[in-house]
Amino acid sequence: MSRPRLTLVVNNQIPCAQDGPRAGQKSWSNRFEPYALKVSAPDLWSAYFRQRFVSPREVALFCDVSFQTALNWWGAITAPASHIALLMLLTDPGAAEFFQSEVGRAA
């Protein structure tokens, strides 16, 4: 027995009336473009690390990563993994505000 299929029929010749008021934006996914956020993440993290720490060596010691990894973050080559992001957000009360203001400026 086959399952019923849904067929979508589109007619571009008939315009849709859009007289009603539009609802406000409700989802974060519509507010930020995921690809743009992914591309800008290394720059955001570099700015954050430069604000919070004195040097890449300090970043490496605090995050328990290699000096090369810290250099990559410091120089905006790569962004940290999620567990490092959580570490920063949980240990720095100003981290969320920093990222919110930086992303808000870029958006």
N, C-alpha and C. Protein backbone atom coordinates (compact mmCIF):
# COMPACT_ATOMS: atom_id res chain seq x y z
N MET A 1 0.83 -1.17 0.00
CA MET A 1 0.00 0.00 0.00
C MET A 1 0.89 1.24 0.00
N SER A 2 0.62 2.15 -0.86
CA SER A 2 1.43 3.36 -0.94
C SER A 2 0.81 4.46 -0.07
N ARG A 3 1.69 5.33 0.40
CA ARG A 3 1.25 6.43 1.24
C ARG A 3 0.73 7.57 0.37
N PRO A 4 -0.24 8.31 0.86
CA PRO A 4 -0.70 9.47 0.09
C PRO A 4 0.41 10.52 0.02
N ARG A 5 0.47 11.21 -1.08
CA ARG A 5 1.50 12.23 -1.28
C ARG A 5 0.87 13.61 -1.33
N LEU A 6 1.59 14.55 -0.80
CA LEU A 6 1.15 15.94 -0.83
C LEU A 6 1.75 16.60 -2.06
N THR A 7 0.93 17.26 -2.83
CA THR A 7 1.39 17.94 -4.04
C THR A 7 1.18 19.43 -3.86
N LEU A 8 2.22 20.18 -4.09
CA LEU A 8 2.16 21.63 -4.00
C LEU A 8 2.03 22.20 -5.40
N VAL A 9 0.99 22.99 -5.61
CA VAL A 9 0.77 23.61 -6.90
C VAL A 9 1.01 25.10 -6.73
N VAL A 10 1.90 25.65 -7.54
CA VAL A 10 2.25 27.05 -7.45
C VAL A 10 1.82 27.75 -8.72
N ASN A 11 1.16 28.89 -8.53
CA ASN A 11 0.75 29.69 -9.66
C ASN A 11 1.33 31.08 -9.45
N ASN A 12 2.35 31.45 -10.21
CA ASN A 12 2.99 32.75 -10.08
C ASN A 12 2.27 33.85 -10.85
N GLN A 13 1.20 33.50 -11.55
CA GLN A 13 0.46 34.48 -12.32
C GLN A 13 -0.52 35.27 -11.46
N ILE A 14 -0.94 34.68 -10.34
CA ILE A 14 -1.92 35.34 -9.47
C ILE A 14 -1.18 35.92 -8.26
N PRO A 15 -1.20 37.24 -8.09
CA PRO A 15 -0.50 37.84 -6.96
C PRO A 15 -1.24 37.57 -5.65
N CYS A 16 -0.50 37.47 -4.59
CA CYS A 16 -1.07 37.26 -3.27
C CYS A 16 -1.31 38.62 -2.61
N ALA A 17 -2.45 38.77 -1.99
CA ALA A 17 -2.75 40.02 -1.28
C ALA A 17 -2.00 40.02 0.04
N GLN A 18 -1.31 41.11 0.34
CA GLN A 18 -0.57 41.21 1.59
C GLN A 18 -0.94 42.53 2.27
N ASP A 19 -2.25 42.70 2.52
CA ASP A 19 -2.72 43.94 3.10
C ASP A 19 -2.57 43.98 4.61
N GLY A 20 -2.58 42.84 5.26
CA GLY A 20 -2.56 42.78 6.72
C GLY A 20 -1.22 43.18 7.30
N PRO A 21 -1.21 43.55 8.58
CA PRO A 21 0.06 43.90 9.23
C PRO A 21 0.95 42.68 9.38
N ARG A 22 2.23 42.90 9.28
CA ARG A 22 3.18 41.79 9.40
C ARG A 22 3.53 41.57 10.86
N ALA A 23 3.69 40.33 11.20
CA ALA A 23 4.07 39.98 12.57
C ALA A 23 5.54 40.32 12.78
N GLY A 24 5.89 40.66 14.00
CA GLY A 24 7.28 40.96 14.32
C GLY A 24 8.14 39.72 14.22
N GLN A 25 9.41 39.93 14.10
CA GLN A 25 10.36 38.83 13.98
C GLN A 25 10.42 38.07 15.30
N LYS A 26 10.28 36.75 15.24
CA LYS A 26 10.20 35.96 16.46
C LYS A 26 11.33 34.95 16.63
N SER A 27 12.07 34.66 15.60
CA SER A 27 13.10 33.62 15.76
C SER A 27 14.50 34.19 15.54
N TRP A 28 15.46 33.66 16.31
CA TRP A 28 16.85 34.07 16.17
C TRP A 28 17.41 33.66 14.82
N SER A 29 16.92 32.54 14.27
CA SER A 29 17.47 32.07 13.01
C SER A 29 17.19 33.05 11.87
N ASN A 30 16.12 33.83 11.99
CA ASN A 30 15.83 34.83 10.98
C ASN A 30 16.61 36.11 11.22
N ARG A 31 17.12 36.28 12.42
CA ARG A 31 17.82 37.51 12.77
C ARG A 31 19.29 37.46 12.38
N PHE A 32 19.90 36.30 12.50
CA PHE A 32 21.30 36.14 12.16
C PHE A 32 21.45 35.13 11.03
N GLU A 33 22.31 35.42 10.11
CA GLU A 33 22.59 34.46 9.07
C GLU A 33 23.67 33.51 9.58
N PRO A 34 23.39 32.22 9.67
CA PRO A 34 24.36 31.28 10.25
C PRO A 34 25.73 31.29 9.57
N TYR A 35 25.76 31.40 8.26
CA TYR A 35 27.05 31.38 7.57
C TYR A 35 27.87 32.63 7.91
N ALA A 36 27.23 33.77 7.96
CA ALA A 36 27.95 35.01 8.31
C ALA A 36 28.48 34.94 9.73
N LEU A 37 27.71 34.35 10.64
CA LEU A 37 28.16 34.19 12.02
C LEU A 37 29.36 33.24 12.08
N LYS A 38 29.31 32.18 11.30
CA LYS A 38 30.42 31.22 11.26
C LYS A 38 31.69 31.88 10.72
N VAL A 39 31.55 32.68 9.69
CA VAL A 39 32.69 33.34 9.08
C VAL A 39 33.30 34.39 10.01
N SER A 40 32.45 35.09 10.76
CA SER A 40 32.95 36.15 11.64
C SER A 40 33.38 35.66 13.01
N ALA A 41 33.12 34.40 13.34
CA ALA A 41 33.45 33.86 14.67
C ALA A 41 34.93 34.02 15.04
N PRO A 42 35.88 33.69 14.18
CA PRO A 42 37.28 33.88 14.57
C PRO A 42 37.62 35.33 14.93
N ASP A 43 37.08 36.29 14.20
CA ASP A 43 37.33 37.70 14.52
C ASP A 43 36.69 38.10 15.85
N LEU A 44 35.48 37.61 16.10
CA LEU A 44 34.81 37.90 17.37
C LEU A 44 35.60 37.34 18.55
N TRP A 45 36.05 36.09 18.42
CA TRP A 45 36.80 35.46 19.51
C TRP A 45 38.15 36.13 19.71
N SER A 46 38.79 36.51 18.63
CA SER A 46 40.07 37.20 18.74
C SER A 46 39.90 38.50 19.52
N ALA A 47 38.87 39.26 19.18
CA ALA A 47 38.60 40.52 19.88
C ALA A 47 38.32 40.27 21.36
N TYR A 48 37.57 39.21 21.64
CA TYR A 48 37.26 38.88 23.04
C TYR A 48 38.53 38.51 23.81
N PHE A 49 39.34 37.63 23.24
CA PHE A 49 40.57 37.20 23.92
C PHE A 49 41.52 38.38 24.13
N ARG A 50 41.60 39.26 23.17
CA ARG A 50 42.48 40.42 23.30
C ARG A 50 41.99 41.38 24.39
N GLN A 51 40.66 41.42 24.57
CA GLN A 51 40.12 42.28 25.63
C GLN A 51 40.34 41.66 27.01
N ARG A 52 40.17 40.36 27.12
CA ARG A 52 40.21 39.71 28.44
C ARG A 52 41.61 39.33 28.89
N PHE A 53 42.48 38.93 27.97
CA PHE A 53 43.80 38.43 28.32
C PHE A 53 44.90 39.34 27.80
N VAL A 54 46.08 39.20 28.40
CA VAL A 54 47.22 40.03 28.03
C VAL A 54 47.97 39.46 26.82
N SER A 55 48.01 38.12 26.72
CA SER A 55 48.80 37.49 25.66
C SER A 55 48.22 36.13 25.30
N PRO A 56 48.63 35.58 24.16
CA PRO A 56 48.19 34.23 23.79
C PRO A 56 48.63 33.18 24.80
N ARG A 57 49.76 33.40 25.43
CA ARG A 57 50.24 32.45 26.44
C ARG A 57 49.25 32.35 27.61
N GLU A 58 48.71 33.49 28.01
CA GLU A 58 47.72 33.51 29.08
C GLU A 58 46.45 32.77 28.66
N VAL A 59 46.06 32.95 27.42
CA VAL A 59 44.89 32.23 26.88
C VAL A 59 45.15 30.72 26.93
N ALA A 60 46.33 30.31 26.49
CA ALA A 60 46.67 28.89 26.47
C ALA A 60 46.62 28.30 27.87
N LEU A 61 47.15 29.00 28.84
CA LEU A 61 47.15 28.51 30.21
C LEU A 61 45.74 28.44 30.79
N PHE A 62 44.96 29.48 30.58
CA PHE A 62 43.61 29.51 31.13
C PHE A 62 42.72 28.44 30.50
N CYS A 63 42.81 28.26 29.18
CA CYS A 63 41.94 27.33 28.46
C CYS A 63 42.50 25.91 28.38
N ASP A 64 43.72 25.72 28.88
CA ASP A 64 44.38 24.42 28.85
C ASP A 64 44.49 23.88 27.42
N VAL A 65 45.02 24.73 26.54
CA VAL A 65 45.25 24.34 25.15
C VAL A 65 46.71 24.63 24.81
N SER A 66 47.15 24.17 23.67
CA SER A 66 48.53 24.42 23.25
C SER A 66 48.72 25.90 22.92
N PHE A 67 49.97 26.33 22.97
CA PHE A 67 50.27 27.71 22.63
C PHE A 67 49.89 28.01 21.18
N GLN A 68 50.09 27.05 20.28
CA GLN A 68 49.74 27.24 18.88
C GLN A 68 48.24 27.45 18.70
N THR A 69 47.44 26.69 19.44
CA THR A 69 45.99 26.86 19.38
C THR A 69 45.60 28.25 19.85
N ALA A 70 46.20 28.68 20.96
CA ALA A 70 45.92 30.03 21.48
C ALA A 70 46.34 31.10 20.47
N LEU A 71 47.47 30.88 19.80
CA LEU A 71 47.91 31.83 18.76
C LEU A 71 46.90 31.90 17.62
N ASN A 72 46.35 30.75 17.25
CA ASN A 72 45.35 30.72 16.17
C ASN A 72 44.11 31.51 16.57
N TRP A 73 43.69 31.40 17.82
CA TRP A 73 42.53 32.16 18.29
C TRP A 73 42.87 33.64 18.36
N TRP A 74 44.05 33.94 18.88
CA TRP A 74 44.49 35.33 19.06
C TRP A 74 44.57 36.05 17.71
N GLY A 75 45.05 35.33 16.70
CA GLY A 75 45.22 35.90 15.37
C GLY A 75 44.03 35.75 14.46
N ALA A 76 42.90 35.28 14.99
CA ALA A 76 41.65 35.12 14.23
C ALA A 76 41.80 34.13 13.07
N ILE A 77 42.64 33.11 13.27
CA ILE A 77 42.77 32.05 12.26
C ILE A 77 41.62 31.06 12.42
N THR A 78 41.34 30.68 13.66
CA THR A 78 40.25 29.77 13.98
C THR A 78 39.49 30.30 15.20
N ALA A 79 38.35 29.71 15.46
CA ALA A 79 37.56 30.02 16.65
C ALA A 79 37.61 28.81 17.57
N PRO A 80 37.44 29.03 18.86
CA PRO A 80 37.48 27.90 19.80
C PRO A 80 36.27 26.98 19.65
N ALA A 81 36.44 25.76 20.16
CA ALA A 81 35.35 24.78 20.15
C ALA A 81 34.32 25.15 21.21
N SER A 82 33.21 24.46 21.19
CA SER A 82 32.09 24.80 22.06
C SER A 82 32.43 24.70 23.54
N HIS A 83 33.26 23.73 23.94
CA HIS A 83 33.57 23.61 25.36
C HIS A 83 34.38 24.81 25.87
N ILE A 84 35.19 25.40 25.00
CA ILE A 84 35.93 26.61 25.39
C ILE A 84 34.97 27.79 25.45
N ALA A 85 34.04 27.86 24.51
CA ALA A 85 33.04 28.92 24.54
C ALA A 85 32.24 28.86 25.83
N LEU A 86 31.84 27.65 26.23
CA LEU A 86 31.12 27.50 27.50
C LEU A 86 31.98 27.91 28.68
N LEU A 87 33.24 27.53 28.67
CA LEU A 87 34.16 27.92 29.74
C LEU A 87 34.22 29.44 29.88
N MET A 88 34.34 30.12 28.77
CA MET A 88 34.41 31.59 28.80
C MET A 88 33.10 32.19 29.31
N LEU A 89 31.99 31.68 28.81
CA LEU A 89 30.70 32.23 29.22
C LEU A 89 30.40 31.98 30.70
N LEU A 90 30.87 30.84 31.21
CA LEU A 90 30.62 30.52 32.62
C LEU A 90 31.58 31.19 33.58
N THR A 91 32.76 31.58 33.11
CA THR A 91 33.75 32.17 34.01
C THR A 91 33.84 33.69 33.90
N ASP A 92 33.28 34.26 32.86
CA ASP A 92 33.35 35.70 32.68
C ASP A 92 31.94 36.27 32.60
N PRO A 93 31.50 36.98 33.63
CA PRO A 93 30.15 37.53 33.60
C PRO A 93 29.92 38.53 32.46
N GLY A 94 30.96 39.14 31.93
CA GLY A 94 30.81 40.11 30.86
C GLY A 94 30.90 39.53 29.46
N ALA A 95 31.15 38.23 29.34
CA ALA A 95 31.34 37.63 28.02
C ALA A 95 30.08 37.72 27.15
N ALA A 96 28.94 37.38 27.72
CA ALA A 96 27.70 37.41 26.93
C ALA A 96 27.41 38.82 26.44
N GLU A 97 27.62 39.80 27.29
CA GLU A 97 27.39 41.20 26.90
C GLU A 97 28.36 41.62 25.79
N PHE A 98 29.62 41.18 25.90
CA PHE A 98 30.61 41.51 24.87
C PHE A 98 30.16 40.98 23.51
N PHE A 99 29.78 39.70 23.46
CA PHE A 99 29.38 39.09 22.17
C PHE A 99 28.09 39.69 21.66
N GLN A 100 27.16 39.98 22.56
CA GLN A 100 25.90 40.59 22.13
C GLN A 100 26.15 41.96 21.50
N SER A 101 27.01 42.75 22.10
CA SER A 101 27.27 44.07 21.53
C SER A 101 28.05 43.96 20.22
N GLU A 102 29.01 43.04 20.14
CA GLU A 102 29.80 42.88 18.91
C GLU A 102 28.94 42.37 17.76
N VAL A 103 28.12 41.37 18.03
CA VAL A 103 27.26 40.82 16.98
C VAL A 103 26.20 41.84 16.61
N GLY A 104 25.70 42.58 17.58
CA GLY A 104 24.70 43.63 17.29
C GLY A 104 25.25 44.70 16.38
N ARG A 105 26.52 45.05 16.55
CA ARG A 105 27.14 46.04 15.68
C ARG A 105 27.32 45.52 14.27
N ALA A 106 27.61 44.21 14.16
CA ALA A 106 27.86 43.63 12.84
C ALA A 106 26.56 43.38 12.07
N ALA A 107 25.45 43.19 12.81
CA ALA A 107 24.18 42.85 12.15
C ALA A 107 23.49 44.04 11.55
